[in-house]
C-alpha atoms as a PDB file:
ATOM      1  CA  MET A   1      10.655 -22.202  26.439  1.00  0.00           C
ATOM      2  CA  ALA A   2      11.233 -24.857  23.729  1.00  0.00           C
ATOM      3  CA  ILE A   3       7.513 -24.807  22.374  1.00  0.00           C
ATOM      4  CA  THR A   4       7.235 -21.115  21.965  1.00  0.00           C
ATOM      5  CA  ILE A   5      11.162 -21.831  20.174  1.00  0.00           C
ATOM      6  CA  VAL A   6       9.579 -24.938  17.627  1.00  0.00           C
ATOM      7  CA  LEU A   7       6.406 -22.370  17.299  1.00  0.00           C
ATOM      8  CA  VAL A   8       7.780 -19.717  16.279  1.00  0.00           C
ATOM      9  CA  THR A   9      10.699 -20.720  14.394  1.00  0.00           C
ATOM     10  CA  THR A  10       7.744 -22.296  12.365  1.00  0.00           C
ATOM     11  CA  THR A  11       6.205 -19.555  11.636  1.00  0.00           C
ATOM     12  CA  ALA A  12       9.282 -17.347  10.753  1.00  0.00           C
ATOM     13  CA  LEU A  13      10.035 -20.705   8.612  1.00  0.00           C
ATOM     14  CA  LEU A  14       6.452 -20.294   6.908  1.00  0.00           C
ATOM     15  CA  ALA A  15       6.272 -16.563   6.786  1.00  0.00           C
ATOM     16  CA  ALA A  16       9.431 -16.317   5.328  1.00  0.00           C
ATOM     17  CA  THR A  17       9.129 -18.956   2.391  1.00  0.00           C
ATOM     18  CA  VAL A  18       5.741 -17.225   1.606  1.00  0.00           C
ATOM     19  CA  GLN A  19       7.125 -13.620   0.936  1.00  0.00           C
ATOM     20  CA  ALA A  20      10.497 -15.281  -0.842  1.00  0.00           C
ATOM     21  CA  THR A  21       8.111 -16.869  -2.970  1.00  0.00           C
ATOM     22  CA  ALA A  22       6.066 -13.269  -3.932  1.00  0.00           C
ATOM     23  CA  GLY A  23       7.894 -10.727  -2.162  1.00  0.00           C
ATOM     24  CA  LEU A  24       5.369  -9.562   0.650  1.00  0.00           C
ATOM     25  CA  GLY A  25       3.163 -11.463   3.605  1.00  0.00           C
ATOM     26  CA  PHE A  26       6.437 -11.813   5.916  1.00  0.00           C
ATOM     27  CA  ALA A  27       4.587  -9.333   8.272  1.00  0.00           C
ATOM     28  CA  LEU A  28       1.548 -10.728   7.901  1.00  0.00           C
ATOM     29  CA  ILE A  29       2.102 -14.024   8.883  1.00  0.00           C
ATOM     30  CA  VAL A  30       4.344 -13.471  11.140  1.00  0.00           C
ATOM     31  CA  THR A  31       2.999 -10.688  13.961  1.00  0.00           C
ATOM     32  CA  PRO A  32       0.525 -11.820  15.562  1.00  0.00           C
ATOM     33  CA  VAL A  33       2.227 -15.055  16.165  1.00  0.00           C
ATOM     34  CA  LEU A  34       5.205 -13.521  17.948  1.00  0.00           C
ATOM     35  CA  PHE A  35       2.134 -11.616  20.003  1.00  0.00           C
ATOM     36  CA  LEU A  36       0.689 -13.850  21.726  1.00  0.00           C
ATOM     37  CA  GLU A  37       4.241 -15.270  22.264  1.00  0.00           C
ATOM     38  CA  MET A  38       5.851 -12.013  23.372  1.00  0.00           C
ATOM     39  CA  SER A  39       5.710  -8.816  25.072  1.00  0.00           C
ATOM     40  CA  PRO A  40       4.831  -6.192  22.859  1.00  0.00           C
ATOM     41  CA  ALA A  41       7.633  -4.213  22.796  1.00  0.00           C
ATOM     42  CA  SER A  42      10.521  -7.219  21.855  1.00  0.00           C
ATOM     43  CA  ALA A  43       7.174  -8.644  18.995  1.00  0.00           C
ATOM     44  CA  ILE A  44       7.756  -5.529  18.037  1.00  0.00           C
ATOM     45  CA  VAL A  45      11.212  -5.316  17.537  1.00  0.00           C
ATOM     46  CA  THR A  46      12.008  -9.018  16.201  1.00  0.00           C
ATOM     47  CA  ALA A  47       9.634  -8.524  13.592  1.00  0.00           C
ATOM     48  CA  THR A  48      11.623  -5.334  12.297  1.00  0.00           C
ATOM     49  CA  VAL A  49      15.098  -7.306  12.648  1.00  0.00           C
ATOM     50  CA  LEU A  50      13.770 -10.518  10.891  1.00  0.00           C
ATOM     51  CA  GLY A  51      12.154  -8.393   8.247  1.00  0.00           C
ATOM     52  CA  ILE A  52      14.666  -6.717   8.159  1.00  0.00           C
ATOM     53  CA  LEU A  53      17.401 -10.170   7.507  1.00  0.00           C
ATOM     54  CA  LEU A  54      14.227 -11.428   4.746  1.00  0.00           C
ATOM     55  CA  ASN A  55      14.940  -8.958   2.568  1.00  0.00           C
ATOM     56  CA  LEU A  56      18.198  -8.498   2.254  1.00  0.00           C
ATOM     57  CA  LEU A  57      18.665 -11.971   1.983  1.00  0.00           C
ATOM     58  CA  VAL A  58      15.786 -11.265  -1.096  1.00  0.00           C
ATOM     59  CA  LEU A  59      18.019  -8.399  -2.073  1.00  0.00           C
ATOM     60  CA  PHE A  60      22.072  -9.909  -2.259  1.00  0.00           C
ATOM     61  CA  ALA A  61      22.490 -13.331  -1.005  1.00  0.00           C
ATOM     62  CA  GLU A  62      20.953 -14.595  -4.323  1.00  0.00           C
ATOM     63  CA  PRO A  63      22.653 -15.717  -7.863  1.00  0.00           C
ATOM     64  CA  ARG A  64      21.232 -12.563  -9.832  1.00  0.00           C
ATOM     65  CA  ARG A  65      21.421  -9.017  -9.805  1.00  0.00           C
ATOM     66  CA  PRO A  66      18.747  -6.991  -7.953  1.00  0.00           C
ATOM     67  CA  THR A  67      16.324  -5.423  -9.472  1.00  0.00           C
ATOM     68  CA  PRO A  68      14.013  -2.771  -8.935  1.00  0.00           C
ATOM     69  CA  ALA A  69      12.667   0.346  -9.951  1.00  0.00           C
ATOM     70  CA  TRP A  70      14.256   2.822  -8.456  1.00  0.00           C
ATOM     71  CA  ASP A  71      12.114   5.442 -10.050  1.00  0.00           C
ATOM     72  CA  GLU A  72       9.000   3.945  -8.362  1.00  0.00           C
ATOM     73  CA  VAL A  73      10.684   3.483  -4.862  1.00  0.00           C
ATOM     74  CA  LEU A  74      12.754   5.907  -4.025  1.00  0.00           C
ATOM     75  CA  PRO A  75      10.045   8.978  -3.820  1.00  0.00           C
ATOM     76  CA  ILE A  76       7.544   6.601  -1.448  1.00  0.00           C
ATOM     77  CA  LEU A  77      10.469   5.760   0.487  1.00  0.00           C
ATOM     78  CA  ALA A  78      11.011   9.515   0.761  1.00  0.00           C
ATOM     79  CA  ALA A  79       7.013  10.151   1.227  1.00  0.00           C
ATOM     80  CA  ALA A  80       7.114   6.736   4.270  1.00  0.00           C
ATOM     81  CA  ILE A  81       8.876   9.600   6.390  1.00  0.00           C
ATOM     82  CA  PRO A  82       6.665  11.811   7.657  1.00  0.00           C
ATOM     83  CA  GLY A  83       3.620   9.251   6.237  1.00  0.00           C
ATOM     84  CA  ALA A  84       5.775   7.353   9.302  1.00  0.00           C
ATOM     85  CA  ALA A  85       4.810  10.100  11.809  1.00  0.00           C
ATOM     86  CA  CYS A  86       0.765  10.959  10.532  1.00  0.00           C
ATOM     87  CA  GLY A  87       0.702   6.590  11.443  1.00  0.00           C
ATOM     88  CA  VAL A  88       1.504   7.414  15.215  1.00  0.00           C
ATOM     89  CA  VAL A  89      -0.713  10.754  15.883  1.00  0.00           C
ATOM     90  CA  LEU A  90      -3.395   8.808  13.800  1.00  0.00           C
ATOM     91  CA  LEU A  91      -2.963   5.700  15.586  1.00  0.00           C
ATOM     92  CA  ALA A  92      -3.831   8.070  18.606  1.00  0.00           C
ATOM     93  CA  ALA A  93      -6.223   9.913  17.932  1.00  0.00           C
ATOM     94  CA  LEU A  94      -7.853   6.482  16.507  1.00  0.00           C
ATOM     95  CA  PRO A  95      -8.188   3.450  17.991  1.00  0.00           C
ATOM     96  CA  ARG A  96      -6.020   0.553  16.164  1.00  0.00           C
ATOM     97  CA  PRO A  97      -9.222  -2.220  15.796  1.00  0.00           C
ATOM     98  CA  ALA A  98     -11.375   0.123  14.088  1.00  0.00           C
ATOM     99  CA  LEU A  99      -7.941   1.628  11.656  1.00  0.00           C
ATOM    100  CA  GLN A 100      -7.944  -2.314  10.869  1.00  0.00           C
ATOM    101  CA  VAL A 101     -11.683  -2.644   9.566  1.00  0.00           C
ATOM    102  CA  PHE A 102     -10.816   0.232   7.077  1.00  0.00           C
ATOM    103  CA  VAL A 103      -7.279  -1.136   6.669  1.00  0.00           C
ATOM    104  CA  GLY A 104      -8.261  -4.344   5.866  1.00  0.00           C
ATOM    105  CA  MET A 105     -12.125  -3.266   3.665  1.00  0.00           C
ATOM    106  CA  THR A 106     -10.016  -1.195   1.674  1.00  0.00           C
ATOM    107  CA  VAL A 107      -7.097  -3.578   0.401  1.00  0.00           C
ATOM    108  CA  ILE A 108     -10.498  -5.937  -0.201  1.00  0.00           C
ATOM    109  CA  ALA A 109     -12.182  -3.419  -2.614  1.00  0.00           C
ATOM    110  CA  ALA A 110      -8.791  -2.645  -4.449  1.00  0.00           C
ATOM    111  CA  ALA A 111      -7.792  -6.077  -4.454  1.00  0.00           C
ATOM    112  CA  LEU A 112     -11.473  -6.671  -6.410  1.00  0.00           C
ATOM    113  CA  LEU A 113     -11.102  -4.160  -7.812  1.00  0.00           C
ATOM    114  CA  ARG A 114      -8.152  -4.949  -9.375  1.00  0.00           C
ATOM    115  CA  THR A 115      -9.085  -8.751 -11.096  1.00  0.00           C
ATOM    116  CA  ARG A 116     -11.742  -6.956 -12.603  1.00  0.00           C
ATOM    117  CA  ARG A 117      -9.751  -4.385 -14.704  1.00  0.00           C
ATOM    118  CA  PRO A 118      -6.242  -6.146 -14.287  1.00  0.00           C
ATOM    119  CA  GLY A 119      -5.073  -3.435 -16.991  1.00  0.00           C
ATOM    120  CA  ARG A 120      -1.598  -2.246 -16.447  1.00  0.00           C
ATOM    121  CA  SER A 121      -1.486   2.194 -16.352  1.00  0.00           C
ATOM    122  CA  ARG A 122       1.473   3.770 -16.809  1.00  0.00           C
ATOM    123  CA  ARG A 123       0.656   6.953 -16.762  1.00  0.00           C
ATOM    124  CA  ARG A 124       0.729   7.794 -13.012  1.00  0.00           C
ATOM    125  CA  GLY A 125       2.842  10.899 -12.108  1.00  0.00           C
ATOM    126  CA  ALA A 126       5.160  11.441  -9.252  1.00  0.00           C
ATOM    127  CA  ARG A 127       2.529  13.047  -6.757  1.00  0.00           C
ATOM    128  CA  SER A 128       0.868   9.937  -6.701  1.00  0.00           C
ATOM    129  CA  ARG A 129       3.933   8.134  -5.873  1.00  0.00           C
ATOM    130  CA  LEU A 130       4.927  10.416  -2.852  1.00  0.00           C
ATOM    131  CA  ALA A 131       0.500   9.866  -1.639  1.00  0.00           C
ATOM    132  CA  LEU A 132       1.272   6.234  -1.893  1.00  0.00           C
ATOM    133  CA  GLY A 133       4.650   5.972   0.337  1.00  0.00           C
ATOM    134  CA  TYR A 134       2.996   9.030   2.609  1.00  0.00           C
ATOM    135  CA  VAL A 135       0.099   5.901   3.308  1.00  0.00           C
ATOM    136  CA  VAL A 136       2.443   3.205   3.452  1.00  0.00           C
ATOM    137  CA  GLY A 137       4.127   5.014   6.153  1.00  0.00           C
ATOM    138  CA  ALA A 138       1.364   5.900   7.727  1.00  0.00           C
ATOM    139  CA  LEU A 139      -0.266   2.177   7.572  1.00  0.00           C
ATOM    140  CA  SER A 140       3.727   1.456   9.291  1.00  0.00           C
ATOM    141  CA  THR A 141       3.209   2.707  12.729  1.00  0.00           C
ATOM    142  CA  SER A 142      -0.675   2.726  12.868  1.00  0.00           C
ATOM    143  CA  THR A 143      -2.250  -0.195  12.039  1.00  0.00           C
ATOM    144  CA  GLY A 144       1.661  -2.665  10.345  1.00  0.00           C
ATOM    145  CA  ILE A 145      -0.637  -3.881   7.412  1.00  0.00           C
ATOM    146  CA  ASN A 146       1.809  -1.373   4.557  1.00  0.00           C
ATOM    147  CA  GLY A 147       2.186  -4.207   2.262  1.00  0.00           C
ATOM    148  CA  PRO A 148      -1.183  -4.635  -0.219  1.00  0.00           C
ATOM    149  CA  PRO A 149      -0.986  -1.289  -0.628  1.00  0.00           C
ATOM    150  CA  LEU A 150       2.347  -0.716  -1.955  1.00  0.00           C
ATOM    151  CA  ALA A 151       1.864  -4.703  -3.826  1.00  0.00           C
ATOM    152  CA  LEU A 152      -0.898  -3.501  -5.597  1.00  0.00           C
ATOM    153  CA  TRP A 153       0.619   0.186  -6.994  1.00  0.00           C
ATOM    154  CA  LEU A 154       3.632  -1.751  -8.214  1.00  0.00           C
ATOM    155  CA  ALA A 155       1.634  -4.771  -9.403  1.00  0.00           C
ATOM    156  CA  GLY A 156       0.037  -2.383 -12.045  1.00  0.00           C
ATOM    157  CA  ARG A 157       3.100  -0.562 -12.854  1.00  0.00           C
ATOM    158  CA  GLY A 158       4.013  -3.172 -15.661  1.00  0.00           C
ATOM    159  CA  LEU A 159       6.938  -4.892 -14.109  1.00  0.00           C
ATOM    160  CA  SER A 160       7.749  -8.207 -14.182  1.00  0.00           C
ATOM    161  CA  PRO A 161       7.423 -10.335 -11.819  1.00  0.00           C
ATOM    162  CA  ALA A 162      11.442 -10.327 -11.036  1.00  0.00           C
ATOM    163  CA  GLN A 163      10.523  -5.816 -10.756  1.00  0.00           C
ATOM    164  CA  VAL A 164       7.087  -6.200  -7.994  1.00  0.00           C
ATOM    165  CA  ARG A 165       9.405  -8.487  -6.246  1.00  0.00           C
ATOM    166  CA  ASP A 166      12.527  -6.700  -5.791  1.00  0.00           C
ATOM    167  CA  SER A 167      10.852  -3.502  -6.148  1.00  0.00           C
ATOM    168  CA  LEU A 168       8.603  -5.113  -2.662  1.00  0.00           C
ATOM    169  CA  SER A 169      11.438  -6.020  -1.076  1.00  0.00           C
ATOM    170  CA  THR A 170      13.750  -2.704  -1.161  1.00  0.00           C
ATOM    171  CA  ALA A 171      10.871  -0.585   0.185  1.00  0.00           C
ATOM    172  CA  PHE A 172      10.384  -3.423   2.862  1.00  0.00           C
ATOM    173  CA  LEU A 173      14.085  -3.168   3.562  1.00  0.00           C
ATOM    174  CA  GLY A 174      13.599   1.040   4.399  1.00  0.00           C
ATOM    175  CA  THR A 175      10.759   1.112   5.728  1.00  0.00           C
ATOM    176  CA  GLY A 176      12.391  -1.328   8.273  1.00  0.00           C
ATOM    177  CA  VAL A 177      15.169   0.938   8.728  1.00  0.00           C
ATOM    178  CA  ILE A 178      12.678   4.273   9.522  1.00  0.00           C
ATOM    179  CA  ALA A 179      11.370   0.514  12.034  1.00  0.00           C
ATOM    180  CA  THR A 180      13.860   0.630  13.535  1.00  0.00           C
ATOM    181  CA  LEU A 181      15.026   4.617  13.630  1.00  0.00           C
ATOM    182  CA  THR A 182      11.364   5.058  15.909  1.00  0.00           C
ATOM    183  CA  ILE A 183      11.533   2.091  17.865  1.00  0.00           C
ATOM    184  CA  VAL A 184      14.644   2.702  19.633  1.00  0.00           C
ATOM    185  CA  PRO A 185      13.562   4.329  22.083  1.00  0.00           C
ATOM    186  CA  VAL A 186      11.284   1.429  22.548  1.00  0.00           C
ATOM    187  CA  VAL A 187      14.607  -1.831  22.739  1.00  0.00           C
ATOM    188  CA  SER A 188      15.324  -0.583  25.960  1.00  0.00           C
ATOM    189  CA  HIS A 189      10.939  -2.289  27.082  1.00  0.00           C
ATOM    190  CA  ALA A 190      12.181  -4.805  25.476  1.00  0.00           C
ATOM    191  CA  ARG A 191      13.292  -8.370  25.991  1.00  0.00           C
ATOM    192  CA  LEU A 192      14.939 -10.671  23.113  1.00  0.00           C
ATOM    193  CA  PRO A 193      16.150 -14.099  23.794  1.00  0.00           C
ATOM    194  CA  ALA A 194      18.178 -15.333  22.409  1.00  0.00           C
ATOM    195  CA  ALA A 195      17.527 -18.594  21.106  1.00  0.00           C
ATOM    196  CA  ILE A 196      14.186 -17.759  20.666  1.00  0.00           C
ATOM    197  CA  ILE A 197      15.762 -14.713  17.786  1.00  0.00           C
ATOM    198  CA  GLY A 198      18.147 -17.248  17.033  1.00  0.00           C
ATOM    199  CA  ALA A 199      16.637 -19.941  16.111  1.00  0.00           C
ATOM    200  CA  ALA A 200      13.882 -17.774  13.946  1.00  0.00           C
ATOM    201  CA  ALA A 201      16.347 -16.076  12.231  1.00  0.00           C
ATOM    202  CA  GLY A 202      17.496 -20.144  10.873  1.00  0.00           C
ATOM    203  CA  GLY A 203      13.911 -20.724   9.847  1.00  0.00           C
ATOM    204  CA  VAL A 204      14.135 -16.897   8.348  1.00  0.00           C
ATOM    205  CA  LEU A 205      17.361 -18.543   6.209  1.00  0.00           C
ATOM    206  CA  VAL A 206      15.476 -22.139   5.112  1.00  0.00           C
ATOM    207  CA  GLY A 207      12.197 -19.522   4.053  1.00  0.00           C
ATOM    208  CA  HIS A 208      14.042 -17.259   2.180  1.00  0.00           C
ATOM    209  CA  ALA A 209      16.678 -20.629   0.450  1.00  0.00           C
ATOM    210  CA  VAL A 210      12.943 -22.802  -0.027  1.00  0.00           C
ATOM    211  CA  GLY A 211      10.944 -19.432  -1.427  1.00  0.00           C
ATOM    212  CA  SER A 212      13.639 -18.005  -3.720  1.00  0.00           C
ATOM    213  CA  ARG A 213      13.411 -21.373  -5.647  1.00  0.00           C
ATOM    214  CA  LEU A 214       9.448 -21.408  -6.182  1.00  0.00           C
ATOM    215  CA  PHE A 215      10.088 -17.467  -7.087  1.00  0.00           C
ATOM    216  CA  THR A 216      11.713 -19.251 -10.184  1.00  0.00           C
ATOM    217  CA  ARG A 217       9.263 -22.317 -10.918  1.00  0.00           C
ATOM    218  CA  LEU A 218       6.818 -19.874 -10.685  1.00  0.00           C
ATOM    219  CA  ALA A 219       4.911 -18.859 -14.223  1.00  0.00           C
ATOM    220  CA  VAL A 220       4.552 -15.128 -15.273  1.00  0.00           C
ATOM    221  CA  ALA A 221       1.017 -15.317 -15.087  1.00  0.00           C
ATOM    222  CA  ARG A 222       0.811 -17.157 -12.227  1.00  0.00           C
ATOM    223  CA  TYR A 223       2.455 -14.972  -9.923  1.00  0.00           C
ATOM    224  CA  ASP A 224      -0.280 -11.327 -10.273  1.00  0.00           C
ATOM    225  CA  HIS A 225      -2.351 -14.691  -9.396  1.00  0.00           C
ATOM    226  CA  VAL A 226      -0.291 -15.566  -6.136  1.00  0.00           C
ATOM    227  CA  LEU A 227      -0.281 -11.894  -5.232  1.00  0.00           C
ATOM    228  CA  LEU A 228      -3.860 -11.032  -5.451  1.00  0.00           C
ATOM    229  CA  ALA A 229      -4.225 -14.208  -3.018  1.00  0.00           C
ATOM    230  CA  ILE A 230      -1.494 -12.682   0.104  1.00  0.00           C
ATOM    231  CA  ILE A 231      -2.764  -9.473  -0.548  1.00  0.00           C
ATOM    232  CA  LEU A 232      -6.404 -10.038  -0.023  1.00  0.00           C
ATOM    233  CA  ALA A 233      -5.884 -12.381   2.659  1.00  0.00           C
ATOM    234  CA  ALA A 234      -4.149  -9.742   4.725  1.00  0.00           C
ATOM    235  CA  GLY A 235      -6.863  -7.292   4.294  1.00  0.00           C
ATOM    236  CA  ALA A 236      -8.938 -10.433   5.420  1.00  0.00           C
ATOM    237  CA  GLY A 237      -6.840 -10.656   7.991  1.00  0.00           C
ATOM    238  CA  SER A 238      -7.152  -7.009   9.182  1.00  0.00           C
ATOM    239  CA  LEU A 239     -10.585  -6.986   9.411  1.00  0.00           C
ATOM    240  CA  VAL A 240     -11.327 -10.232  11.203  1.00  0.00           C
ATOM    241  CA  ALA A 241      -8.877  -8.780  14.101  1.00  0.00           C
ATOM    242  CA  GLY A 242     -10.441  -4.829  14.300  1.00  0.00           C
ATOM    243  CA  ALA A 243     -13.811  -6.406  13.937  1.00  0.00           C
ATOM    244  CA  THR A 244     -12.701  -9.105  16.392  1.00  0.00           C
ATOM    245  CA  SER A 245     -11.102  -6.570  18.731  1.00  0.00           C
ATOM    246  CA  LEU A 246     -13.986  -3.553  18.952  1.00  0.00           C
END
């Protein structure tokens, strides 16, 4: 138990630091470790609860007023609700490893295209946001890798780093609530040791404190590079995880 507590807490601290700095990366880092140390039901519930805590800290525990791009976030969250239901059906119809490989390849291709064509576009309309939200919702319940497409979209909307970070946190908070409602039947099967949850929450608190300070010192030009590096790492991780499970 002691080794599990140390491992989960350290991972939660690292994951929270990454996401508090760039706006995404928490679930990508912490979820694989939770699945190694817990039952699937316990891992899902723990990751969801810790993610909600972290996003609340980013939005409401920093000495500033959050500035999410509501015109981007709200349509995406609205479309994510039916998308989440579709993701459950998709996961039942197709093997998860195949989905992970497909998502990984798509994310890597989109990120590489972004590095070659860094220009920002503001011309995409409401239909594009709704389509993205549907995809984000479907990925939330099928592969758990919903951050990279959202981050790529927001990074291309001409937003400031603070707006991208706050918009990601707002979207993740919303999808976290949607996921919570979706996994209500799972909660009864989850075993959630209070010591592990409490220690991991402490790691999230420390990680947020470190990451929020790193964000304030991160130059605007470097923010895009950090965001793209995390997106590429997420795509590669999904690709490897899926390929090794086929």
